[in-house]
């Protein structure tokens, strides 16, 4: 059984949407905004912060015993 994995992608919003369609729920979003690490956790949604220049370091999603994290990266 897979428990936890990490993924780096330049498409963080699209990646979150993909995993939501598979039944995962966002439990945490941490991004760097205006030089400070800030939390953008639910109930905040992408419509609340999409236009801000946020560099997401970690978005954590869970479904049952499976936990995944991803953040911005080019590779």
N, C-alpha and C. Protein backbone atom coordinates (compact mmCIF):
# COMPACT_ATOMS: atom_id res chain seq x y z
N UNK A 1 0.84 -1.18 0.00
CA UNK A 1 0.00 0.00 0.00
C UNK A 1 0.89 1.24 0.00
N UNK A 2 0.52 2.21 -0.80
CA UNK A 2 1.23 3.48 -0.86
C UNK A 2 0.76 4.36 0.27
N UNK A 3 1.68 4.95 1.00
CA UNK A 3 1.31 5.80 2.12
C UNK A 3 1.59 7.27 1.84
N UNK A 4 2.75 7.59 1.31
CA UNK A 4 3.13 9.00 1.18
C UNK A 4 4.10 9.19 0.02
N UNK A 5 3.89 10.24 -0.77
CA UNK A 5 4.87 10.58 -1.79
C UNK A 5 4.86 12.07 -2.06
N UNK A 6 5.95 12.55 -2.67
CA UNK A 6 6.15 13.96 -2.98
C UNK A 6 6.23 14.15 -4.48
N UNK A 7 5.75 15.29 -4.94
CA UNK A 7 5.74 15.61 -6.35
C UNK A 7 6.05 17.09 -6.52
N UNK A 8 6.87 17.44 -7.50
CA UNK A 8 7.18 18.83 -7.82
C UNK A 8 6.65 19.11 -9.21
N UNK A 9 5.93 20.21 -9.37
CA UNK A 9 5.29 20.53 -10.64
C UNK A 9 5.14 22.04 -10.80
N UNK A 10 5.23 22.54 -12.02
CA UNK A 10 4.93 23.96 -12.25
C UNK A 10 3.42 24.21 -12.33
N UNK A 11 2.61 23.15 -12.25
CA UNK A 11 1.15 23.25 -12.40
C UNK A 11 0.44 22.87 -11.11
N UNK A 12 0.66 23.64 -10.05
CA UNK A 12 0.12 23.25 -8.74
C UNK A 12 -1.40 23.28 -8.68
N UNK A 13 -2.03 24.30 -9.24
CA UNK A 13 -3.49 24.36 -9.19
C UNK A 13 -4.10 23.20 -9.97
N UNK A 14 -3.57 22.91 -11.13
CA UNK A 14 -4.08 21.81 -11.95
C UNK A 14 -3.85 20.46 -11.27
N UNK A 15 -2.70 20.31 -10.60
CA UNK A 15 -2.40 19.07 -9.89
C UNK A 15 -3.38 18.87 -8.74
N UNK A 16 -3.65 19.94 -8.01
CA UNK A 16 -4.63 19.85 -6.91
C UNK A 16 -6.00 19.43 -7.46
N UNK A 17 -6.42 20.03 -8.54
CA UNK A 17 -7.72 19.71 -9.14
C UNK A 17 -7.77 18.24 -9.57
N UNK A 18 -6.68 17.75 -10.18
CA UNK A 18 -6.61 16.36 -10.61
C UNK A 18 -6.83 15.40 -9.44
N UNK A 19 -6.11 15.64 -8.34
CA UNK A 19 -6.24 14.74 -7.19
C UNK A 19 -7.58 14.90 -6.49
N UNK A 20 -8.18 16.08 -6.52
CA UNK A 20 -9.53 16.23 -5.97
C UNK A 20 -10.51 15.36 -6.74
N UNK A 21 -10.35 15.28 -8.05
CA UNK A 21 -11.23 14.43 -8.87
C UNK A 21 -11.08 12.95 -8.53
N UNK A 22 -9.94 12.59 -7.94
CA UNK A 22 -9.71 11.21 -7.50
C UNK A 22 -10.15 10.98 -6.06
N UNK A 23 -10.73 12.01 -5.43
CA UNK A 23 -11.25 11.85 -4.07
C UNK A 23 -10.35 12.35 -2.97
N UNK A 24 -9.22 12.96 -3.30
CA UNK A 24 -8.33 13.52 -2.28
C UNK A 24 -8.87 14.86 -1.79
N UNK A 25 -8.57 15.19 -0.53
CA UNK A 25 -8.96 16.47 0.03
C UNK A 25 -7.72 17.23 0.49
N UNK A 26 -7.72 18.53 0.26
CA UNK A 26 -6.61 19.38 0.69
C UNK A 26 -6.65 19.51 2.21
N UNK A 27 -5.52 19.27 2.85
CA UNK A 27 -5.42 19.44 4.30
C UNK A 27 -4.52 20.61 4.66
N UNK A 28 -3.64 21.00 3.73
CA UNK A 28 -2.70 22.08 4.04
C UNK A 28 -2.15 22.68 2.76
N UNK A 29 -2.01 24.02 2.76
CA UNK A 29 -1.30 24.72 1.68
C UNK A 29 -0.38 25.74 2.34
N UNK A 30 0.89 25.67 2.03
CA UNK A 30 1.86 26.64 2.54
C UNK A 30 2.61 27.21 1.36
N UNK A 31 2.61 28.53 1.29
CA UNK A 31 3.29 29.19 0.19
C UNK A 31 4.01 30.43 0.66
N UNK A 32 4.97 30.85 -0.14
CA UNK A 32 5.72 32.06 0.16
C UNK A 32 5.05 33.23 -0.54
N UNK A 33 4.61 34.20 0.26
CA UNK A 33 3.92 35.37 -0.26
C UNK A 33 4.51 36.61 0.40
N UNK A 34 4.95 37.55 -0.41
CA UNK A 34 5.56 38.80 0.07
C UNK A 34 6.73 38.51 1.01
N UNK A 35 7.50 37.47 0.67
CA UNK A 35 8.70 37.14 1.43
C UNK A 35 8.47 36.34 2.70
N UNK A 36 7.24 36.00 2.99
CA UNK A 36 6.91 35.25 4.21
C UNK A 36 6.16 33.97 3.86
N UNK A 37 6.44 32.90 4.61
CA UNK A 37 5.66 31.68 4.44
C UNK A 37 4.32 31.88 5.13
N UNK A 38 3.25 31.58 4.39
CA UNK A 38 1.88 31.83 4.84
C UNK A 38 1.03 30.61 4.55
N UNK A 39 0.04 30.39 5.38
CA UNK A 39 -0.88 29.28 5.20
C UNK A 39 -2.08 29.73 4.37
N UNK A 40 -2.47 28.88 3.42
CA UNK A 40 -3.64 29.11 2.57
C UNK A 40 -4.56 27.89 2.63
N UNK A 41 -4.71 27.36 3.83
CA UNK A 41 -5.46 26.13 4.06
C UNK A 41 -6.95 26.32 3.78
N UNK A 42 -7.66 25.20 3.53
CA UNK A 42 -9.11 25.27 3.45
C UNK A 42 -9.65 25.82 4.77
N UNK A 43 -10.70 26.59 4.71
CA UNK A 43 -11.67 26.65 3.64
C UNK A 43 -11.29 27.58 2.48
N UNK A 44 -10.09 28.20 2.50
CA UNK A 44 -9.69 29.02 1.37
C UNK A 44 -9.64 28.17 0.11
N UNK A 45 -10.03 28.77 -0.98
CA UNK A 45 -10.05 28.12 -2.28
C UNK A 45 -9.18 28.94 -3.23
N UNK A 46 -8.86 28.39 -4.38
CA UNK A 46 -8.00 29.08 -5.35
C UNK A 46 -8.57 30.43 -5.76
N UNK A 47 -9.90 30.57 -5.76
CA UNK A 47 -10.49 31.86 -6.11
C UNK A 47 -10.12 32.95 -5.10
N UNK A 48 -9.76 32.55 -3.89
CA UNK A 48 -9.38 33.50 -2.84
C UNK A 48 -7.97 34.07 -3.02
N UNK A 49 -7.09 33.34 -3.74
CA UNK A 49 -5.69 33.78 -3.80
C UNK A 49 -5.02 33.58 -5.16
N UNK A 50 -5.74 33.15 -6.15
CA UNK A 50 -5.16 32.83 -7.46
C UNK A 50 -4.36 34.00 -8.04
N UNK A 51 -4.81 35.22 -7.88
CA UNK A 51 -4.16 36.39 -8.49
C UNK A 51 -2.92 36.86 -7.72
N UNK A 52 -2.69 36.33 -6.54
CA UNK A 52 -1.51 36.71 -5.76
C UNK A 52 -0.30 35.94 -6.27
N UNK A 53 0.85 36.50 -6.11
CA UNK A 53 2.10 35.85 -6.54
C UNK A 53 2.60 34.96 -5.40
N UNK A 54 2.09 33.74 -5.34
CA UNK A 54 2.43 32.80 -4.27
C UNK A 54 3.29 31.69 -4.85
N UNK A 55 4.39 31.39 -4.17
CA UNK A 55 5.22 30.26 -4.55
C UNK A 55 4.91 29.13 -3.56
N UNK A 56 4.08 28.18 -4.00
CA UNK A 56 3.66 27.12 -3.09
C UNK A 56 4.78 26.13 -2.86
N UNK A 57 5.13 25.97 -1.59
CA UNK A 57 6.16 25.03 -1.18
C UNK A 57 5.56 23.66 -0.91
N UNK A 58 4.39 23.67 -0.24
CA UNK A 58 3.75 22.39 0.08
C UNK A 58 2.24 22.54 -0.04
N UNK A 59 1.64 21.63 -0.78
CA UNK A 59 0.21 21.41 -0.73
C UNK A 59 0.05 19.94 -0.34
N UNK A 60 -0.65 19.71 0.74
CA UNK A 60 -0.83 18.35 1.22
C UNK A 60 -2.28 17.93 1.00
N UNK A 61 -2.44 16.71 0.48
CA UNK A 61 -3.77 16.16 0.24
C UNK A 61 -3.81 14.74 0.80
N UNK A 62 -5.01 14.34 1.25
CA UNK A 62 -5.18 13.01 1.84
C UNK A 62 -6.43 12.34 1.30
N UNK A 63 -6.34 11.03 1.23
CA UNK A 63 -7.49 10.18 0.93
C UNK A 63 -7.25 8.86 1.65
N UNK A 64 -8.02 8.62 2.68
CA UNK A 64 -7.82 7.40 3.47
C UNK A 64 -6.43 7.39 4.06
N UNK A 65 -5.70 6.29 3.85
CA UNK A 65 -4.36 6.16 4.39
C UNK A 65 -3.29 6.74 3.46
N UNK A 66 -3.72 7.30 2.35
CA UNK A 66 -2.76 7.84 1.37
C UNK A 66 -2.61 9.34 1.59
N UNK A 67 -1.38 9.77 1.66
CA UNK A 67 -1.04 11.17 1.87
C UNK A 67 -0.05 11.57 0.80
N UNK A 68 -0.30 12.70 0.13
CA UNK A 68 0.66 13.16 -0.86
C UNK A 68 0.90 14.64 -0.66
N UNK A 69 2.10 15.06 -1.00
CA UNK A 69 2.44 16.48 -0.95
C UNK A 69 3.07 16.86 -2.28
N UNK A 70 2.80 18.09 -2.69
CA UNK A 70 3.43 18.59 -3.90
C UNK A 70 3.62 20.09 -3.75
N UNK A 71 4.48 20.62 -4.56
CA UNK A 71 4.74 22.04 -4.56
C UNK A 71 5.31 22.47 -5.89
N UNK A 72 5.58 23.75 -5.98
CA UNK A 72 6.08 24.28 -7.24
C UNK A 72 7.52 23.81 -7.49
N UNK A 73 7.76 23.37 -8.70
CA UNK A 73 9.08 22.97 -9.15
C UNK A 73 9.04 22.72 -10.64
N UNK A 74 10.15 22.90 -11.28
CA UNK A 74 10.19 22.72 -12.74
C UNK A 74 10.46 21.28 -13.15
N UNK A 75 10.92 20.45 -12.23
CA UNK A 75 11.22 19.06 -12.55
C UNK A 75 10.55 18.14 -11.55
